Protein backbone atom coordinates (compact mmCIF):
# COMPACT_ATOMS: atom_id res chain seq x y z
CA MET A 1 27.16 173.39 179.49
CA ALA A 2 30.96 173.41 179.63
CA MET A 3 32.69 175.40 176.93
CA LEU A 4 36.00 174.97 175.13
CA THR A 5 37.98 178.01 174.09
CA LEU A 6 40.00 177.17 171.00
CA TRP A 7 42.87 179.54 170.24
CA ARG A 8 44.68 179.58 166.92
CA HIS A 9 48.45 179.78 167.29
CA PRO A 10 50.35 182.99 166.42
CA LYS A 11 51.47 183.54 162.82
CA PRO A 12 54.50 181.34 162.20
CA ARG A 13 57.69 182.48 160.50
CA GLY A 14 57.97 181.36 156.88
CA ALA A 15 54.28 180.56 156.33
CA GLU A 16 53.54 183.31 153.80
CA GLY A 17 52.37 181.86 150.49
CA ARG A 18 52.86 178.25 151.56
CA CYS A 19 50.59 175.29 152.23
CA VAL A 20 51.33 174.74 155.91
CA GLY A 21 50.00 171.64 157.61
CA ALA A 22 51.05 168.94 160.04
CA ARG A 23 54.33 168.15 158.27
CA THR A 24 55.59 171.74 158.27
CA ASP A 25 56.69 172.63 161.79
CA LEU A 26 57.36 176.34 161.59
CA PRO A 27 58.47 178.44 164.57
CA VAL A 28 56.77 181.56 165.89
CA HIS A 29 58.54 184.63 167.16
CA PRO A 30 58.94 184.23 170.95
CA ARG A 31 57.25 187.60 171.58
CA LYS A 32 54.17 186.49 169.62
CA ALA A 33 53.94 183.23 171.57
CA LYS A 34 54.33 185.13 174.86
CA ARG A 35 51.72 187.72 173.82
CA LEU A 36 49.14 185.00 173.07
CA ALA A 37 50.00 183.23 176.32
CA HIS A 38 49.28 186.51 178.18
CA ARG A 39 45.86 186.74 176.51
CA ILE A 40 45.05 183.12 177.38
CA ARG A 41 46.15 183.63 180.99
CA ALA A 42 43.95 186.75 181.25
CA HIS A 43 41.01 184.87 179.67
CA ALA A 44 41.40 182.01 182.17
CA ARG A 45 41.52 184.47 185.08
CA ARG A 46 38.52 186.48 183.80
CA HIS A 47 36.38 183.35 183.34
CA GLY A 48 37.54 181.48 186.44
CA LEU A 49 39.03 178.62 184.41
CA ALA A 50 41.55 176.12 185.70
CA ARG A 51 45.16 176.82 184.82
CA ASP A 52 45.24 173.94 182.33
CA VAL A 53 46.01 174.10 178.62
CA VAL A 54 46.43 171.50 175.91
CA THR A 55 48.23 172.23 172.63
CA SER A 56 49.17 170.65 169.36
CA PRO A 57 52.71 169.26 169.32
CA LEU A 58 53.68 171.61 166.47
CA ALA A 59 55.97 174.43 167.62
CA ARG A 60 53.62 177.20 166.53
CA ALA A 61 51.11 176.03 169.17
CA ALA A 62 53.40 174.31 171.68
CA ASP A 63 55.52 177.45 172.17
CA VAL A 64 52.43 179.13 173.67
CA GLY A 65 51.97 176.18 176.03
CA ARG A 66 55.59 176.47 177.16
CA TRP A 67 55.02 180.10 178.20
CA LEU A 68 51.87 179.17 180.10
CA GLN A 69 53.71 176.35 181.84
CA ARG A 70 56.37 178.82 183.01
CA TRP A 71 53.55 180.79 184.64
CA GLY A 72 52.15 177.83 186.54
CA PHE A 73 49.72 176.30 184.04
CA ARG A 74 49.54 172.56 183.64
CA TRP A 75 50.44 172.05 179.96
CA ARG A 76 49.78 168.92 177.94
CA VAL A 77 50.56 168.15 174.30
CA ASP A 78 48.08 166.11 172.29
CA PRO A 79 48.99 164.87 168.78
CA ALA A 80 45.26 164.72 167.94
CA LEU A 81 45.27 168.55 167.84
CA ALA A 82 47.79 168.73 164.97
CA GLU A 83 46.84 170.56 161.80
CA MET A 84 45.56 168.65 158.78
CA ASP A 85 48.25 166.66 156.99
CA PHE A 86 48.47 168.11 153.49
CA GLY A 87 50.61 165.21 152.23
CA ALA A 88 52.71 166.04 149.16
CA TRP A 89 51.41 169.63 149.25
CA ASP A 90 52.63 170.30 152.80
CA GLY A 91 55.26 173.03 152.92
CA ARG A 92 55.08 173.81 149.19
CA PRO A 93 54.35 177.29 147.86
CA TRP A 94 50.72 177.56 146.79
CA SER A 95 51.95 178.99 143.49
CA ALA A 96 53.86 175.74 142.79
CA ILE A 97 50.72 173.59 142.98
CA PRO A 98 49.21 173.21 139.49
CA GLY A 99 45.63 174.33 138.91
CA ALA A 100 44.70 170.78 137.88
CA GLU A 101 45.62 169.65 141.41
CA PHE A 102 43.25 172.23 142.90
CA ASP A 103 40.57 170.98 140.54
CA ARG A 104 41.13 167.41 141.83
CA TRP A 105 40.74 168.68 145.39
CA MET A 106 37.55 170.61 144.71
CA ALA A 107 36.06 167.64 142.80
CA ASP A 108 36.59 165.35 145.80
CA PHE A 109 36.64 167.87 148.67
CA LEU A 110 35.83 165.36 151.43
CA ARG A 111 38.07 162.47 150.38
CA PHE A 112 41.04 164.11 148.62
CA ASP A 113 44.18 163.19 150.60
CA PHE A 114 46.73 165.55 149.04
CA ASP A 115 48.67 162.57 147.69
CA GLY A 116 49.50 160.79 150.91
CA GLY A 117 48.08 163.13 153.52
CA GLU A 118 44.79 163.35 155.37
CA ALA A 119 41.35 163.64 153.80
CA LEU A 120 38.91 166.16 155.25
CA THR A 121 36.69 163.29 156.42
CA ALA A 122 39.62 161.99 158.51
CA LEU A 123 40.25 165.44 160.01
CA LEU A 124 36.55 165.85 160.82
CA ASP A 125 36.54 162.43 162.54
CA ARG A 126 39.77 163.15 164.45
CA ALA A 127 38.47 166.51 165.67
CA ALA A 128 34.99 165.22 166.56
CA ASN A 129 36.39 162.23 168.49
CA TRP A 130 38.90 164.26 170.51
CA GLN A 131 38.04 164.19 174.21
CA PRO A 132 38.80 167.49 175.95
CA THR A 133 40.85 167.35 179.14
CA CYS A 134 40.54 171.06 179.90
CA ALA A 135 38.77 174.21 178.68
CA LEU A 136 41.74 175.88 176.92
CA VAL A 137 43.18 174.63 173.63
CA VAL A 138 45.86 176.06 171.34
CA GLY A 139 45.73 174.57 167.87
CA HIS A 140 45.38 175.21 164.17
CA ALA A 141 42.79 176.77 161.87
CA GLY A 142 41.90 173.53 160.06
CA TRP A 143 41.50 171.52 163.25
CA ILE A 144 39.48 174.30 164.91
CA ALA A 145 37.17 174.54 161.89
CA ALA A 146 36.73 170.75 161.92
CA ARG A 147 36.02 170.66 165.68
CA SER A 148 33.50 173.48 165.29
CA TRP A 149 31.80 171.89 162.28
CA PRO A 150 28.19 170.70 162.91
CA THR A 151 27.83 166.94 163.27
CA GLY A 152 26.12 165.24 160.35
CA VAL A 153 26.57 168.18 157.94
CA MET A 154 28.88 167.47 155.01
CA PRO A 155 31.05 170.46 154.10
CA THR A 156 31.57 171.70 150.57
CA PRO A 157 34.27 174.03 149.29
CA ALA A 158 31.75 176.89 149.44
CA SER A 159 30.56 176.12 152.99
CA TRP A 160 33.97 175.52 154.61
CA PRO A 161 34.74 178.55 156.84
CA ARG A 162 37.56 181.00 156.35
CA PRO A 163 40.40 180.33 158.79
CA LEU A 164 40.25 181.81 162.25
CA ALA A 165 42.77 184.67 162.41
CA TYR A 166 46.15 184.00 164.01
CA GLY A 167 46.04 184.42 167.78
CA ARG A 168 42.23 184.57 167.89
CA ALA A 169 39.80 182.38 169.80
CA THR A 170 36.42 180.82 169.38
CA SER A 171 34.32 179.13 172.05
CA ILE A 172 32.23 176.03 171.45
CA PRO A 173 30.44 173.52 173.68
CA SER A 174 32.93 170.93 174.91
CA ALA A 175 30.71 168.16 173.53
CA ALA A 176 30.75 169.64 169.99
């Protein structure tokens, strides 16, 4: 069975303490993007993978793709790989979001849309319906968790996984 290797982008500048989703396009330090690109290139070489990579359009993922392209990889951008859209919460400090808003989210974990953003059900659908075009992906923790989530199992706040660490990878069957 073909496998996908999903890499989370490097830690972006300015993310600390903030709700960072699809509307907050933060940069990464060029050295961090280059370092992750080196690891992806070595992974592709070690596993005999094609020199193809697809990334989210957000800078924190796309900057890695740009490095790989410089080194001869075919790089594509796919908007379907963007992080979850946190609506009115996107870009705000977590400390500025009232506790009652968190309670609303936890009470409707699957359908809460962050006041104009994307519900978890929509992210799960978007990730599950994405058709891979290569074995290497650079994206975001929320999208990776959604793509890795078992079909037909409804997540709860307690069962949703902790985010994959910045610059780390997970491998899943390409037909997840």
